């Protein structure tokens, strides 16, 4: 049985993503993103499940910093609907709950519900970990914002379901492996993810992007971030539709290479059916 490493405790939304993408694999909880990557590189796990962006919160900043030097390759993308639930000890009522613990990202995503019910939010390192701690401490009058999976694992009661402010709240995960899988073609379109640094010449980024426009390649994501502690050294992360072997993609990438000092493909993988 293959193993997927993820950041967080059992019952985390990353754990849900693992079950969704590879239900027959064993999930391995890790304390940090670095530990997830290390688990695959050291053959402790076969795959890594890493969150890259959320429709409400935005990008997961640490991931863009870690991906280029991870040594891993994207082989799939997984979209997981983040359904926030209020969990409590058995026997509690909603009116009994005075405070809830959750990851700092989850608390503002359920702010309307918390305010309406006069519940105070308390920041936790990990929501699923907070669920485990609640089960162990048996502290009455407190709750946790987490997944239904966490409620099942830690034998907690679901006091309120789907309390997130936005009904589109979705996290995109990248499933990564130590080996690329760019020969596989899915039933849907293909995606290519890469990073690049432009040459230090005027309008380099504008010129580099021109090849994608003229060759009809759809770029679904482009983000910049500093590298090496320099305000002038900028690296770009990009997702495009298509496979590097496609003629139009090849032409666009060739033109990109003329205006860049480095390009590195992080993965070629089938687009998720949930992408649309």
Protein backbone atom coordinates (compact mmCIF):
# COMPACT_ATOMS: atom_id res chain seq x y z
CA UNK A 1 0.00 0.00 0.00
CA UNK A 2 1.35 3.41 -0.97
CA UNK A 3 1.62 6.22 1.58
CA UNK A 4 0.73 9.91 1.16
CA UNK A 5 2.34 12.43 3.51
CA UNK A 6 0.39 15.57 4.47
CA UNK A 7 0.81 18.46 6.89
CA UNK A 8 -1.41 18.37 9.97
CA UNK A 9 -3.13 15.80 12.15
CA UNK A 10 -5.50 13.05 11.08
CA UNK A 11 -8.79 14.69 10.16
CA UNK A 12 -7.20 17.77 8.59
CA UNK A 13 -8.51 19.04 5.26
CA UNK A 14 -5.25 17.83 3.71
CA UNK A 15 -6.18 14.37 5.01
CA UNK A 16 -9.54 14.72 3.25
CA UNK A 17 -7.68 15.58 0.04
CA UNK A 18 -5.58 12.42 0.42
CA UNK A 19 -8.70 10.26 0.80
CA UNK A 20 -10.34 11.97 -2.17
CA UNK A 21 -7.37 11.58 -4.51
CA UNK A 22 -6.02 8.18 -3.44
CA UNK A 23 -8.58 6.40 -1.23
CA UNK A 24 -6.55 3.17 -1.23
CA UNK A 25 -3.40 4.85 0.11
CA UNK A 26 -2.30 5.23 3.72
CA UNK A 27 -2.20 8.83 4.99
CA UNK A 28 0.87 9.92 6.96
CA UNK A 29 0.47 13.08 9.14
CA UNK A 30 3.49 15.40 9.36
CA UNK A 31 4.20 18.47 11.50
CA UNK A 32 5.33 20.78 8.69
CA UNK A 33 5.45 21.14 4.91
CA UNK A 34 9.20 20.57 5.08
CA UNK A 35 8.59 17.26 6.87
CA UNK A 36 6.09 16.24 4.16
CA UNK A 37 8.67 16.84 1.44
CA UNK A 38 11.40 15.12 3.43
CA UNK A 39 9.18 12.05 3.94
CA UNK A 40 9.01 11.51 0.18
CA UNK A 41 12.67 12.29 -0.48
CA UNK A 42 13.69 9.83 2.25
CA UNK A 43 11.32 7.10 1.00
CA UNK A 44 9.18 7.22 4.13
CA UNK A 45 6.19 8.14 1.93
CA UNK A 46 5.48 7.62 -1.76
CA UNK A 47 3.55 10.83 -2.37
CA UNK A 48 3.09 14.31 -0.88
CA UNK A 49 -0.18 16.26 -0.64
CA UNK A 50 0.49 20.01 -0.42
CA UNK A 51 -2.04 22.88 -0.43
CA UNK A 52 -1.15 25.64 -2.88
CA UNK A 53 -4.10 28.05 -2.81
CA UNK A 54 -7.56 28.67 -1.41
CA UNK A 55 -10.43 30.59 -3.02
CA UNK A 56 -11.00 32.61 0.15
CA UNK A 57 -7.57 32.85 1.77
CA UNK A 58 -5.42 33.06 -1.37
CA UNK A 59 -2.09 31.36 -1.94
CA UNK A 60 -0.28 29.28 0.65
CA UNK A 61 2.91 31.34 0.77
CA UNK A 62 5.31 28.73 2.14
CA UNK A 63 4.59 26.32 -0.70
CA UNK A 64 5.88 28.63 -3.44
CA UNK A 65 9.10 29.01 -1.48
CA UNK A 66 9.51 25.25 -0.96
CA UNK A 67 8.47 23.81 -4.32
CA UNK A 68 11.48 24.87 -6.45
CA UNK A 69 14.01 23.11 -4.24
CA UNK A 70 11.83 20.22 -3.12
CA UNK A 71 13.04 17.75 -5.73
CA UNK A 72 9.41 16.64 -6.19
CA UNK A 73 7.19 16.66 -9.26
CA UNK A 74 3.49 17.47 -9.53
CA UNK A 75 1.53 14.47 -10.83
CA UNK A 76 -2.05 15.58 -10.03
CA UNK A 77 -4.12 18.45 -8.71
CA UNK A 78 -6.90 17.97 -6.16
CA UNK A 79 -9.69 20.43 -5.37
CA UNK A 80 -11.24 20.00 -1.91
CA UNK A 81 -14.32 21.90 -0.78
CA UNK A 82 -13.56 23.28 2.69
CA UNK A 83 -16.70 22.65 4.73
CA UNK A 84 -16.27 24.13 8.19
CA UNK A 85 -18.16 22.47 11.04
CA UNK A 86 -18.48 23.32 14.72
CA UNK A 87 -17.43 20.28 16.75
CA UNK A 88 -17.91 19.74 20.47
CA UNK A 89 -17.87 17.06 23.12
CA UNK A 90 -20.94 14.77 23.16
CA UNK A 91 -23.80 16.23 25.16
CA UNK A 92 -23.00 19.88 24.44
CA UNK A 93 -25.52 22.31 22.94
CA UNK A 94 -24.75 25.25 20.65
CA UNK A 95 -25.73 27.72 23.37
CA UNK A 96 -23.18 26.10 25.71
CA UNK A 97 -20.23 26.97 23.48
CA UNK A 98 -18.36 30.09 24.54
CA UNK A 99 -15.19 29.70 22.47
CA UNK A 100 -13.81 27.67 19.59
CA UNK A 101 -10.29 26.81 18.50
CA UNK A 102 -9.21 26.61 14.86
CA UNK A 103 -6.32 27.34 12.54
CA UNK A 104 -5.92 31.08 12.00
CA UNK A 105 -7.03 30.65 8.37
CA UNK A 106 -10.36 29.04 9.33
CA UNK A 107 -11.49 31.53 11.97
CA UNK A 108 -12.15 34.49 9.63
CA UNK A 109 -13.83 32.14 7.14
CA UNK A 110 -16.60 31.48 9.69
CA UNK A 111 -16.68 34.94 11.25
CA UNK A 112 -20.38 35.59 10.55
CA UNK A 113 -21.48 32.44 12.35
CA UNK A 114 -19.20 33.07 15.31
CA UNK A 115 -20.40 36.65 15.69
CA UNK A 116 -24.06 35.66 15.38
CA UNK A 117 -23.67 33.08 18.15
CA UNK A 118 -21.38 35.22 20.33
CA UNK A 119 -18.58 32.67 20.18
CA UNK A 120 -14.98 33.75 20.68
CA UNK A 121 -12.39 32.39 18.24
CA UNK A 122 -9.04 31.18 19.54
CA UNK A 123 -6.12 30.54 17.21
CA UNK A 124 -4.74 26.99 17.10
CA UNK A 125 -1.74 25.57 15.26
CA UNK A 126 -3.91 22.96 13.58
CA UNK A 127 -7.69 22.49 13.56
CA UNK A 128 -7.60 18.69 13.55
CA UNK A 129 -4.99 18.85 16.30
CA UNK A 130 -7.35 21.07 18.29
CA UNK A 131 -10.05 18.41 17.83
CA UNK A 132 -7.72 15.76 19.22
CA UNK A 133 -6.84 18.04 22.16
CA UNK A 134 -10.53 18.67 22.91
CA UNK A 135 -11.21 14.95 23.08
CA UNK A 136 -8.27 14.49 25.44
CA UNK A 137 -9.02 17.46 27.72
CA UNK A 138 -12.81 17.02 27.79
CA UNK A 139 -13.16 20.77 28.39
CA UNK A 140 -16.84 21.69 28.39
CA UNK A 141 -18.06 24.94 26.86
CA UNK A 142 -15.42 24.90 24.11
CA UNK A 143 -15.54 23.76 20.53
CA UNK A 144 -13.43 23.31 17.44
CA UNK A 145 -13.86 24.37 13.81
CA UNK A 146 -12.84 21.41 11.68
CA UNK A 147 -13.96 18.77 9.18
CA UNK A 148 -16.56 16.04 9.68
CA UNK A 149 -13.69 13.61 9.20
CA UNK A 150 -12.12 15.02 12.37
CA UNK A 151 -15.42 14.54 14.21
CA UNK A 152 -15.47 10.88 13.18
CA UNK A 153 -11.85 10.24 14.11
CA UNK A 154 -12.01 11.93 17.53
CA UNK A 155 -15.60 10.96 18.40
CA UNK A 156 -16.86 14.54 18.62
CA UNK A 157 -20.35 15.91 18.02
CA UNK A 158 -21.16 18.06 15.00
CA UNK A 159 -23.10 20.97 16.47
CA UNK A 160 -23.36 22.99 13.24
CA UNK A 161 -22.53 22.07 9.63
CA UNK A 162 -21.12 24.12 6.77
CA UNK A 163 -20.80 27.37 8.73
CA UNK A 164 -18.24 28.95 6.37
CA UNK A 165 -19.12 32.44 5.11
CA UNK A 166 -18.56 31.56 1.44
CA UNK A 167 -20.12 28.53 -0.23
CA UNK A 168 -17.30 28.43 -2.80
CA UNK A 169 -14.55 27.90 -0.22
CA UNK A 170 -12.19 25.46 -1.95
CA UNK A 171 -8.52 24.55 -1.54
CA UNK A 172 -6.37 23.40 -4.43
CA UNK A 173 -3.79 20.77 -3.52
CA UNK A 174 -0.85 19.43 -5.50
CA UNK A 175 -0.12 15.70 -5.36
CA UNK A 176 3.62 15.27 -5.74
CA UNK A 177 6.04 12.42 -6.34
CA UNK A 178 9.80 11.95 -6.48
CA UNK A 179 9.43 11.00 -10.16
CA UNK A 180 7.66 12.92 -12.94
CA UNK A 181 4.66 11.42 -14.69
CA UNK A 182 4.53 13.65 -17.78
CA UNK A 183 3.74 10.85 -20.25
CA UNK A 184 0.28 10.30 -18.78
CA UNK A 185 -2.66 11.91 -20.54
CA UNK A 186 -5.95 12.35 -18.72
CA UNK A 187 -9.50 12.39 -20.02
CA UNK A 188 -9.50 16.18 -19.67
CA UNK A 189 -6.99 18.85 -20.66
CA UNK A 190 -3.41 18.79 -19.41
CA UNK A 191 -1.74 21.31 -17.11
CA UNK A 192 1.91 22.34 -16.94
CA UNK A 193 3.38 24.14 -13.93
CA UNK A 194 6.77 25.84 -14.07
CA UNK A 195 8.88 28.52 -12.45
CA UNK A 196 11.11 31.01 -14.23
CA UNK A 197 13.25 34.11 -13.74
CA UNK A 198 13.26 36.78 -16.41
CA UNK A 199 16.42 38.37 -17.73
CA UNK A 200 17.24 41.82 -16.40
CA UNK A 201 16.19 43.73 -19.50
CA UNK A 202 13.38 46.29 -20.03
CA UNK A 203 9.90 44.77 -20.54
CA UNK A 204 11.30 41.23 -20.20
CA UNK A 205 8.14 39.85 -18.56
CA UNK A 206 5.88 41.49 -21.11
CA UNK A 207 7.92 40.05 -23.96
CA UNK A 208 8.15 36.63 -22.31
CA UNK A 209 4.36 36.44 -21.98
CA UNK A 210 3.82 37.37 -25.62
CA UNK A 211 4.54 33.84 -26.83
CA UNK A 212 1.64 32.42 -24.84
CA UNK A 213 -0.78 34.96 -26.31
CA UNK A 214 0.33 34.54 -29.93
CA UNK A 215 0.28 30.74 -29.69
CA UNK A 216 -3.10 30.53 -27.98
CA UNK A 217 -1.86 29.05 -24.69
CA UNK A 218 -4.09 29.85 -21.72
CA UNK A 219 -2.13 30.85 -18.61
CA UNK A 220 -4.37 30.21 -15.60
CA UNK A 221 -1.96 31.42 -12.93
CA UNK A 222 1.04 33.75 -12.71
CA UNK A 223 2.53 34.82 -9.39
CA UNK A 224 5.77 36.53 -8.47
CA UNK A 225 7.85 36.35 -5.32
CA UNK A 226 11.30 37.46 -4.27
CA UNK A 227 14.23 35.06 -4.13
CA UNK A 228 17.57 35.24 -2.39
CA UNK A 229 16.56 38.17 -0.20
CA UNK A 230 16.82 40.59 -3.12
CA UNK A 231 14.22 43.13 -4.15
CA UNK A 232 15.42 42.91 -7.76
CA UNK A 233 15.58 39.11 -8.13
CA UNK A 234 12.04 37.95 -8.86
CA UNK A 235 10.87 34.43 -9.58
CA UNK A 236 7.55 33.64 -11.24
CA UNK A 237 5.28 30.65 -10.71
CA UNK A 238 2.94 29.80 -13.61
CA UNK A 239 0.23 27.30 -14.55
CA UNK A 240 -0.73 26.86 -18.19
CA UNK A 241 -3.17 24.65 -20.04
CA UNK A 242 -1.47 22.13 -22.27
CA UNK A 243 1.43 19.67 -22.45
CA UNK A 244 5.03 20.66 -23.30
CA UNK A 245 4.82 18.30 -26.29
CA UNK A 246 1.88 20.24 -27.74
CA UNK A 247 3.13 22.33 -30.65
CA UNK A 248 1.66 25.62 -29.41
CA UNK A 249 3.02 25.07 -25.89
CA UNK A 250 6.45 24.18 -27.27
CA UNK A 251 6.55 27.38 -29.33
CA UNK A 252 5.45 29.49 -26.35
CA UNK A 253 8.04 27.91 -24.04
CA UNK A 254 10.77 28.41 -26.65
CA UNK A 255 9.92 32.10 -26.81
CA UNK A 256 9.82 32.29 -23.02
CA UNK A 257 13.32 30.82 -22.79
CA UNK A 258 14.72 33.67 -24.90
CA UNK A 259 13.73 36.25 -22.28
CA UNK A 260 14.52 34.22 -19.14
CA UNK A 261 17.65 33.19 -17.34
CA UNK A 262 16.12 30.00 -15.93
CA UNK A 263 13.03 27.80 -16.41
CA UNK A 264 12.13 24.73 -14.39
CA UNK A 265 9.06 22.56 -15.00
CA UNK A 266 7.54 21.43 -11.69
CA UNK A 267 4.96 19.10 -13.19
CA UNK A 268 2.84 18.01 -16.13
CA UNK A 269 -0.48 16.49 -15.07
CA UNK A 270 -4.15 16.06 -16.06
CA UNK A 271 -6.41 18.97 -15.17
CA UNK A 272 -8.86 18.12 -12.42
CA UNK A 273 -12.50 17.75 -13.57
CA UNK A 274 -13.33 20.15 -10.72
CA UNK A 275 -11.14 22.89 -12.23
CA UNK A 276 -14.14 24.42 -14.00
